[in-house]
PDB file of N, CA and C in Angstrom:
ATOM      1  N   MET A   1      -5.690  -7.075  -5.260  1.00  0.00           N
ATOM      2  CA  MET A   1      -4.145  -7.241  -5.342  1.00  0.00           C
ATOM      3  C   MET A   1      -3.862  -5.641  -5.097  1.00  0.00           C
ATOM      4  N   LEU A   2      -3.453  -4.979  -3.906  1.00  0.00           N
ATOM      5  CA  LEU A   2      -3.070  -3.840  -4.271  1.00  0.00           C
ATOM      6  C   LEU A   2      -1.638  -3.749  -4.250  1.00  0.00           C
ATOM      7  N   GLN A   3      -0.880  -2.603  -5.064  1.00  0.00           N
ATOM      8  CA  GLN A   3       0.282  -2.096  -5.601  1.00  0.00           C
ATOM      9  C   GLN A   3       0.447  -0.834  -5.971  1.00  0.00           C
ATOM     10  N   ILE A   4       1.560  -0.363  -5.826  1.00  0.00           N
ATOM     11  CA  ILE A   4       1.957   1.066  -5.266  1.00  0.00           C
ATOM     12  C   ILE A   4       1.843   1.475  -6.912  1.00  0.00           C
ATOM     13  N   LEU A   5       1.495   2.293  -7.474  1.00  0.00           N
ATOM     14  CA  LEU A   5       1.670   3.112  -8.613  1.00  0.00           C
ATOM     15  C   LEU A   5       2.916   2.521  -9.765  1.00  0.00           C
ATOM     16  N   SER A   6       4.130   3.188  -9.225  1.00  0.00           N
ATOM     17  CA  SER A   6       5.168   3.020  -9.430  1.00  0.00           C
ATOM     18  C   SER A   6       5.738   2.024 -10.115  1.00  0.00           C
ATOM     19  N   GLU A   7       5.162   1.313  -9.603  1.00  0.00           N
ATOM     20  CA  GLU A   7       5.935  -0.625  -9.317  1.00  0.00           C
ATOM     21  C   GLU A   7       5.256  -1.071 -11.277  1.00  0.00           C
ATOM     22  N   LEU A   8       4.120  -0.925 -10.778  1.00  0.00           N
ATOM     23  CA  LEU A   8       3.108  -1.681 -12.483  1.00  0.00           C
ATOM     24  C   LEU A   8       5.112  -1.750 -14.005  1.00  0.00           C
ATOM     25  N   ASN A   9       3.826  -2.260 -14.360  1.00  0.00           N
ATOM     26  CA  ASN A   9       4.369  -2.689 -15.723  1.00  0.00           C
ATOM     27  C   ASN A   9       3.806  -2.024 -17.040  1.00  0.00           C
ATOM     28  N   GLU A  10       4.498  -1.965 -17.419  1.00  0.00           N
ATOM     29  CA  GLU A  10       3.582  -1.864 -19.432  1.00  0.00           C
ATOM     30  C   GLU A  10       2.697  -2.602 -19.662  1.00  0.00           C
ATOM     31  N   GLY A  11       1.229  -1.714 -20.040  1.00  0.00           N
ATOM     32  CA  GLY A  11       0.464  -2.307 -19.934  1.00  0.00           C
ATOM     33  C   GLY A  11      -0.661  -2.695 -18.842  1.00  0.00           C
ATOM     34  N   GLU A  12       0.109  -2.811 -17.438  1.00  0.00           N
ATOM     35  CA  GLU A  12      -0.704  -2.883 -16.292  1.00  0.00           C
ATOM     36  C   GLU A  12      -1.769  -1.773 -15.986  1.00  0.00           C
ATOM     37  N   CYS A  13      -2.550  -2.411 -15.373  1.00  0.00           N
ATOM     38  CA  CYS A  13      -3.718  -1.263 -15.393  1.00  0.00           C
ATOM     39  C   CYS A  13      -4.424  -1.770 -14.317  1.00  0.00           C
ATOM     40  N   GLY A  14      -4.905  -0.647 -13.427  1.00  0.00           N
ATOM     41  CA  GLY A  14      -5.827  -0.859 -11.712  1.00  0.00           C
ATOM     42  C   GLY A  14      -6.827   0.376 -11.494  1.00  0.00           C
ATOM     43  N   TYR A  15      -7.009   0.474 -10.393  1.00  0.00           N
ATOM     44  CA  TYR A  15      -8.128   1.615 -10.025  1.00  0.00           C
ATOM     45  C   TYR A  15      -7.362   1.823  -8.944  1.00  0.00           C
ATOM     46  N   VAL A  16      -7.252   3.663  -8.458  1.00  0.00           N
ATOM     47  CA  VAL A  16      -6.742   3.671  -7.272  1.00  0.00           C
ATOM     48  C   VAL A  16      -7.909   3.758  -6.055  1.00  0.00           C
ATOM     49  N   VAL A  17      -7.105   3.351  -5.209  1.00  0.00           N
ATOM     50  CA  VAL A  17      -7.940   3.144  -3.694  1.00  0.00           C
ATOM     51  C   VAL A  17      -7.596   3.665  -2.550  1.00  0.00           C
ATOM     52  N   ARG A  18      -5.891   4.368  -3.021  1.00  0.00           N
ATOM     53  CA  ARG A  18      -5.388   4.879  -1.702  1.00  0.00           C
ATOM     54  C   ARG A  18      -4.743   6.110  -1.858  1.00  0.00           C
ATOM     55  N   ILE A  19      -4.965   7.165  -1.607  1.00  0.00           N
ATOM     56  CA  ILE A  19      -3.131   8.078  -1.629  1.00  0.00           C
ATOM     57  C   ILE A  19      -3.015   8.251  -0.476  1.00  0.00           C
ATOM     58  N   GLN A  20      -1.618   8.009  -0.197  1.00  0.00           N
ATOM     59  CA  GLN A  20      -1.087   8.433   0.851  1.00  0.00           C
ATOM     60  C   GLN A  20      -0.393   9.732   0.688  1.00  0.00           C
ATOM     61  N   GLY A  21      -0.223  10.244   2.165  1.00  0.00           N
ATOM     62  CA  GLY A  21       0.537  11.633   2.420  1.00  0.00           C
ATOM     63  C   GLY A  21      -0.181  12.630   2.858  1.00  0.00           C
ATOM     64  N   ASN A  22       0.146  13.819   3.578  1.00  0.00           N
ATOM     65  CA  ASN A  22      -0.460  14.962   3.889  1.00  0.00           C
ATOM     66  C   ASN A  22      -1.404  15.356   3.226  1.00  0.00           C
ATOM     67  N   PHE A  23      -2.182  16.069   3.638  1.00  0.00           N
ATOM     68  CA  PHE A  23      -3.220  16.915   2.651  1.00  0.00           C
ATOM     69  C   PHE A  23      -2.603  17.700   2.032  1.00  0.00           C
ATOM     70  N   ALA A  24      -1.640  18.645   1.743  1.00  0.00           N
ATOM     71  CA  ALA A  24      -1.411  18.843   0.620  1.00  0.00           C
ATOM     72  C   ALA A  24      -0.299  18.134  -0.348  1.00  0.00           C
ATOM     73  N   VAL A  25       0.089  17.174  -0.262  1.00  0.00           N
ATOM     74  CA  VAL A  25       0.308  16.110  -1.110  1.00  0.00           C
ATOM     75  C   VAL A  25      -0.707  15.693  -2.095  1.00  0.00           C
ATOM     76  N   LYS A  26      -1.478  15.151  -1.101  1.00  0.00           N
ATOM     77  CA  LYS A  26      -3.138  14.319  -1.694  1.00  0.00           C
ATOM     78  C   LYS A  26      -4.026  15.290  -2.767  1.00  0.00           C
ATOM     79  N   ASN A  27      -3.639  16.988  -1.951  1.00  0.00           N
ATOM     80  CA  ASN A  27      -4.618  17.495  -2.930  1.00  0.00           C
ATOM     81  C   ASN A  27      -4.011  18.044  -4.789  1.00  0.00           C
ATOM     82  N   ALA A  28      -2.472  18.057  -4.196  1.00  0.00           N
ATOM     83  CA  ALA A  28      -2.194  17.961  -5.711  1.00  0.00           C
ATOM     84  C   ALA A  28      -2.577  16.680  -6.481  1.00  0.00           C
ATOM     85  N   LEU A  29      -2.453  15.709  -5.718  1.00  0.00           N
ATOM     86  CA  LEU A  29      -2.348  14.699  -6.823  1.00  0.00           C
ATOM     87  C   LEU A  29      -3.738  14.311  -6.960  1.00  0.00           C
ATOM     88  N   GLN A  30      -4.140  14.508  -6.369  1.00  0.00           N
ATOM     89  CA  GLN A  30      -6.054  14.664  -6.977  1.00  0.00           C
ATOM     90  C   GLN A  30      -6.414  16.087  -7.968  1.00  0.00           C
ATOM     91  N   THR A  31      -5.847  16.707  -7.919  1.00  0.00           N
ATOM     92  CA  THR A  31      -6.119  17.784  -8.396  1.00  0.00           C
ATOM     93  C   THR A  31      -5.877  17.362 -10.207  1.00  0.00           C
ATOM     94  N   ALA A  32      -3.894  16.600 -10.195  1.00  0.00           N
ATOM     95  CA  ALA A  32      -4.021  16.117 -11.920  1.00  0.00           C
ATOM     96  C   ALA A  32      -4.599  14.995 -11.798  1.00  0.00           C
ATOM     97  N   GLY A  33      -5.596  14.219 -10.914  1.00  0.00           N
ATOM     98  CA  GLY A  33      -6.597  13.354 -11.367  1.00  0.00           C
ATOM     99  C   GLY A  33      -6.402  12.042 -11.042  1.00  0.00           C
ATOM    100  N   PHE A  34      -5.628  12.016 -10.033  1.00  0.00           N
ATOM    101  CA  PHE A  34      -5.486  11.070  -8.963  1.00  0.00           C
ATOM    102  C   PHE A  34      -6.618  10.715  -8.108  1.00  0.00           C
ATOM    103  N   LEU A  35      -8.217  10.560  -8.689  1.00  0.00           N
ATOM    104  CA  LEU A  35      -9.269  10.578  -7.549  1.00  0.00           C
ATOM    105  C   LEU A  35      -9.186   9.054  -7.378  1.00  0.00           C
ATOM    106  N   LEU A  36     -10.109   8.729  -6.243  1.00  0.00           N
ATOM    107  CA  LEU A  36     -10.429   7.849  -5.897  1.00  0.00           C
ATOM    108  C   LEU A  36     -11.091   7.215  -6.733  1.00  0.00           C
ATOM    109  N   GLY A  37     -10.914   5.640  -7.782  1.00  0.00           N
ATOM    110  CA  GLY A  37     -11.576   4.909  -8.340  1.00  0.00           C
ATOM    111  C   GLY A  37     -11.523   5.282  -9.984  1.00  0.00           C
ATOM    112  N   THR A  38     -10.217   6.116  -9.861  1.00  0.00           N
ATOM    113  CA  THR A  38      -9.887   6.489 -11.174  1.00  0.00           C
ATOM    114  C   THR A  38      -8.922   5.293 -11.818  1.00  0.00           C
ATOM    115  N   LYS A  39      -9.674   5.073 -13.374  1.00  0.00           N
ATOM    116  CA  LYS A  39      -8.680   4.310 -13.821  1.00  0.00           C
ATOM    117  C   LYS A  39      -7.161   4.457 -14.513  1.00  0.00           C
ATOM    118  N   ILE A  40      -6.143   3.785 -14.006  1.00  0.00           N
ATOM    119  CA  ILE A  40      -5.087   4.301 -14.409  1.00  0.00           C
ATOM    120  C   ILE A  40      -4.209   3.139 -15.207  1.00  0.00           C
ATOM    121  N   VAL A  41      -4.055   3.199 -16.442  1.00  0.00           N
ATOM    122  CA  VAL A  41      -3.379   2.454 -17.500  1.00  0.00           C
ATOM    123  C   VAL A  41      -1.694   2.850 -17.858  1.00  0.00           C
ATOM    124  N   VAL A  42      -0.567   2.167 -17.578  1.00  0.00           N
ATOM    125  CA  VAL A  42       0.511   1.975 -17.636  1.00  0.00           C
ATOM    126  C   VAL A  42       1.140   1.722 -19.467  1.00  0.00           C
ATOM    127  N   LEU A  43       0.884   3.293 -19.711  1.00  0.00           N
ATOM    128  CA  LEU A  43       1.096   3.151 -21.583  1.00  0.00           C
ATOM    129  C   LEU A  43       2.776   2.656 -21.380  1.00  0.00           C
ATOM    130  N   ARG A  44       4.016   3.543 -21.418  1.00  0.00           N
ATOM    131  CA  ARG A  44       4.928   3.652 -21.322  1.00  0.00           C
ATOM    132  C   ARG A  44       5.783   3.320 -20.646  1.00  0.00           C
ATOM    133  N   ILE A  45       6.836   3.040 -20.289  1.00  0.00           N
ATOM    134  CA  ILE A  45       8.251   3.423 -19.148  1.00  0.00           C
ATOM    135  C   ILE A  45       9.286   3.670 -19.802  1.00  0.00           C
ATOM    136  N   SER A  46       9.421   4.533 -19.620  1.00  0.00           N
ATOM    137  CA  SER A  46      11.265   5.337 -20.171  1.00  0.00           C
ATOM    138  C   SER A  46      12.378   4.747 -20.465  1.00  0.00           C
ATOM    139  N   PRO A  47      12.916   4.585 -20.759  1.00  0.00           N
ATOM    140  CA  PRO A  47      14.415   3.610 -21.303  1.00  0.00           C
ATOM    141  C   PRO A  47      15.386   3.810 -19.923  1.00  0.00           C
ATOM    142  N   TYR A  48      15.191   4.933 -18.913  1.00  0.00           N
ATOM    143  CA  TYR A  48      16.057   4.957 -17.856  1.00  0.00           C
ATOM    144  C   TYR A  48      15.239   4.659 -16.688  1.00  0.00           C
ATOM    145  N   LYS A  49      13.809   4.358 -16.963  1.00  0.00           N
ATOM    146  CA  LYS A  49      12.725   3.660 -15.868  1.00  0.00           C
ATOM    147  C   LYS A  49      12.775   4.481 -14.890  1.00  0.00           C
ATOM    148  N   ASN A  50      12.563   5.587 -15.192  1.00  0.00           N
ATOM    149  CA  ASN A  50      12.453   6.968 -13.897  1.00  0.00           C
ATOM    150  C   ASN A  50      11.278   7.663 -14.282  1.00  0.00           C
ATOM    151  N   THR A  51      10.747   7.429 -15.705  1.00  0.00           N
ATOM    152  CA  THR A  51       9.566   8.560 -15.548  1.00  0.00           C
ATOM    153  C   THR A  51       8.026   7.124 -16.661  1.00  0.00           C
ATOM    154  N   LEU A  52       6.664   8.006 -16.115  1.00  0.00           N
ATOM    155  CA  LEU A  52       6.242   6.747 -16.619  1.00  0.00           C
ATOM    156  C   LEU A  52       5.261   7.631 -17.541  1.00  0.00           C
ATOM    157  N   LEU A  53       4.724   6.624 -18.889  1.00  0.00           N
ATOM    158  CA  LEU A  53       3.253   7.414 -19.272  1.00  0.00           C
ATOM    159  C   LEU A  53       2.334   6.921 -18.774  1.00  0.00           C
ATOM    160  N   LEU A  54       0.934   7.835 -18.643  1.00  0.00           N
ATOM    161  CA  LEU A  54       0.030   6.766 -17.752  1.00  0.00           C
ATOM    162  C   LEU A  54      -1.098   7.263 -18.465  1.00  0.00           C
ATOM    163  N   ASP A  55      -2.630   6.492 -18.463  1.00  0.00           N
ATOM    164  CA  ASP A  55      -3.478   7.120 -19.366  1.00  0.00           C
ATOM    165  C   ASP A  55      -4.164   7.069 -18.301  1.00  0.00           C
ATOM    166  N   VAL A  56      -4.529   8.213 -17.848  1.00  0.00           N
ATOM    167  CA  VAL A  56      -5.197   8.651 -15.817  1.00  0.00           C
ATOM    168  C   VAL A  56      -6.892   9.320 -16.480  1.00  0.00           C
ATOM    169  N   GLY A  57      -7.328   7.872 -16.083  1.00  0.00           N
ATOM    170  CA  GLY A  57      -9.030   9.039 -16.100  1.00  0.00           C
ATOM    171  C   GLY A  57      -9.206   9.199 -17.982  1.00  0.00           C
ATOM    172  N   GLY A  58      -8.391   8.660 -18.782  1.00  0.00           N
ATOM    173  CA  GLY A  58      -8.837   9.357 -20.131  1.00  0.00           C
ATOM    174  C   GLY A  58      -7.864  10.696 -20.875  1.00  0.00           C
ATOM    175  N   GLN A  59      -7.285  10.929 -19.956  1.00  0.00           N
ATOM    176  CA  GLN A  59      -6.124  11.807 -20.261  1.00  0.00           C
ATOM    177  C   GLN A  59      -4.583  11.366 -20.190  1.00  0.00           C
ATOM    178  N   ILE A  60      -3.766  10.986 -21.524  1.00  0.00           N
ATOM    179  CA  ILE A  60      -2.186  10.679 -21.336  1.00  0.00           C
ATOM    180  C   ILE A  60      -1.474  11.906 -20.890  1.00  0.00           C
ATOM    181  N   LYS A  61      -0.528  11.220 -19.505  1.00  0.00           N
ATOM    182  CA  LYS A  61       0.127  12.220 -18.956  1.00  0.00           C
ATOM    183  C   LYS A  61       1.320  11.644 -18.500  1.00  0.00           C
ATOM    184  N   SER A  62       2.755  11.401 -18.144  1.00  0.00           N
ATOM    185  CA  SER A  62       3.679  12.055 -17.888  1.00  0.00           C
ATOM    186  C   SER A  62       4.062  12.496 -16.438  1.00  0.00           C
ATOM    187  N   TYR A  63       4.766  11.564 -15.513  1.00  0.00           N
ATOM    188  CA  TYR A  63       5.134  11.322 -14.326  1.00  0.00           C
ATOM    189  C   TYR A  63       6.585  10.725 -14.028  1.00  0.00           C
ATOM    190  N   LYS A  64       7.285  11.487 -13.172  1.00  0.00           N
ATOM    191  CA  LYS A  64       8.417  10.337 -12.210  1.00  0.00           C
ATOM    192  C   LYS A  64       7.535   9.866 -11.291  1.00  0.00           C
ATOM    193  N   LYS A  65       8.438   8.430 -11.809  1.00  0.00           N
ATOM    194  CA  LYS A  65       8.239   7.199 -11.039  1.00  0.00           C
ATOM    195  C   LYS A  65       7.931   7.715  -9.049  1.00  0.00           C
ATOM    196  N   SER A  66       8.950   8.650  -8.786  1.00  0.00           N
ATOM    197  CA  SER A  66       9.091   9.184  -7.293  1.00  0.00           C
ATOM    198  C   SER A  66       7.709  10.104  -6.952  1.00  0.00           C
ATOM    199  N   ALA A  67       6.750  10.492  -7.810  1.00  0.00           N
ATOM    200  CA  ALA A  67       5.788  11.286  -7.799  1.00  0.00           C
ATOM    201  C   ALA A  67       4.892   9.942  -7.407  1.00  0.00           C
ATOM    202  N   LEU A  68       4.853   8.575  -7.703  1.00  0.00           N
ATOM    203  CA  LEU A  68       3.744   7.939  -7.982  1.00  0.00           C
ATOM    204  C   LEU A  68       3.916   7.243  -6.406  1.00  0.00           C
ATOM    205  N   ASN A  69       4.655   7.308  -5.929  1.00  0.00           N
ATOM    206  CA  ASN A  69       4.728   5.937  -5.323  1.00  0.00           C
ATOM    207  C   ASN A  69       3.835   6.639  -3.862  1.00  0.00           C
ATOM    208  N   LEU A  70       2.886   7.435  -3.167  1.00  0.00           N
ATOM    209  CA  LEU A  70       2.620   7.323  -2.870  1.00  0.00           C
ATOM    210  C   LEU A  70       0.392   7.109  -2.957  1.00  0.00           C
ATOM    211  N   ILE A  71       0.495   6.603  -4.498  1.00  0.00           N
ATOM    212  CA  ILE A  71      -1.012   6.327  -4.742  1.00  0.00           C
ATOM    213  C   ILE A  71      -0.399   4.731  -4.577  1.00  0.00           C
ATOM    214  N   GLU A  72      -1.774   4.295  -4.061  1.00  0.00           N
ATOM    215  CA  GLU A  72      -2.095   2.684  -3.952  1.00  0.00           C
ATOM    216  C   GLU A  72      -3.095   2.228  -5.528  1.00  0.00           C
ATOM    217  N   LEU A  73      -2.864   0.841  -6.337  1.00  0.00           N
ATOM    218  CA  LEU A  73      -3.840   0.413  -6.744  1.00  0.00           C
ATOM    219  C   LEU A  73      -4.330  -0.506  -6.499  1.00  0.00           C
ATOM    220  N   GLU A  74      -5.594  -1.204  -6.906  1.00  0.00           N
ATOM    221  CA  GLU A  74      -6.390  -2.152  -7.257  1.00  0.00           C
ATOM    222  C   GLU A  74      -5.991  -3.022  -8.536  1.00  0.00           C
ATOM    223  N   ILE A  75      -5.386  -3.680  -8.397  1.00  0.00           N
ATOM    224  CA  ILE A  75      -4.680  -4.273 -10.066  1.00  0.00           C
ATOM    225  C   ILE A  75      -5.673  -5.022 -10.294  1.00  0.00           C
ATOM    226  N   LEU A  76      -5.926  -4.922 -11.935  1.00  0.00           N
ATOM    227  CA  LEU A  76      -7.058  -5.546 -12.639  1.00  0.00           C
ATOM    228  C   LEU A  76      -5.892  -7.057 -13.123  1.00  0.00           C
ATOM    229  N   LYS A  77      -6.643  -7.687 -13.114  1.00  0.00           N
ATOM    230  CA  LYS A  77      -6.119  -9.269 -13.763  1.00  0.00           C
ATOM    231  C   LYS A  77      -6.144  -9.105 -15.417  1.00  0.00           C
ATOM    232  N   ARG A  78      -5.021  -9.984 -15.709  1.00  0.00           N
ATOM    233  CA  ARG A  78      -4.576  -9.517 -17.140  1.00  0.00           C
ATOM    234  C   ARG A  78      -5.372 -10.795 -17.843  1.00  0.00           C
ATOM    235  N   LYS A  79      -5.855 -10.751 -18.984  1.00  0.00           N
ATOM    236  CA  LYS A  79      -6.418 -11.663 -19.680  1.00  0.00           C
ATOM    237  C   LYS A  79      -5.443 -12.488 -20.859  1.00  0.00           C
TER     238      LYS A  79
END
């Protein structure tokens, strides 16, 4: 099941399968660690729902939701 990264809830995770956008946007996201196959875990969502704290391949990073609309994940099933 594919889903946009910015639409995930706390605790959900998945693997990057597609990055949309032009070359410059894709390059910037890949430089930030969003490579194909990288595991992404949503650790926290800010109270105003506009910022996500993510585990990106073992690194903890914070991003605005608007910056994550171009990343599609294959969602892992919850146990």
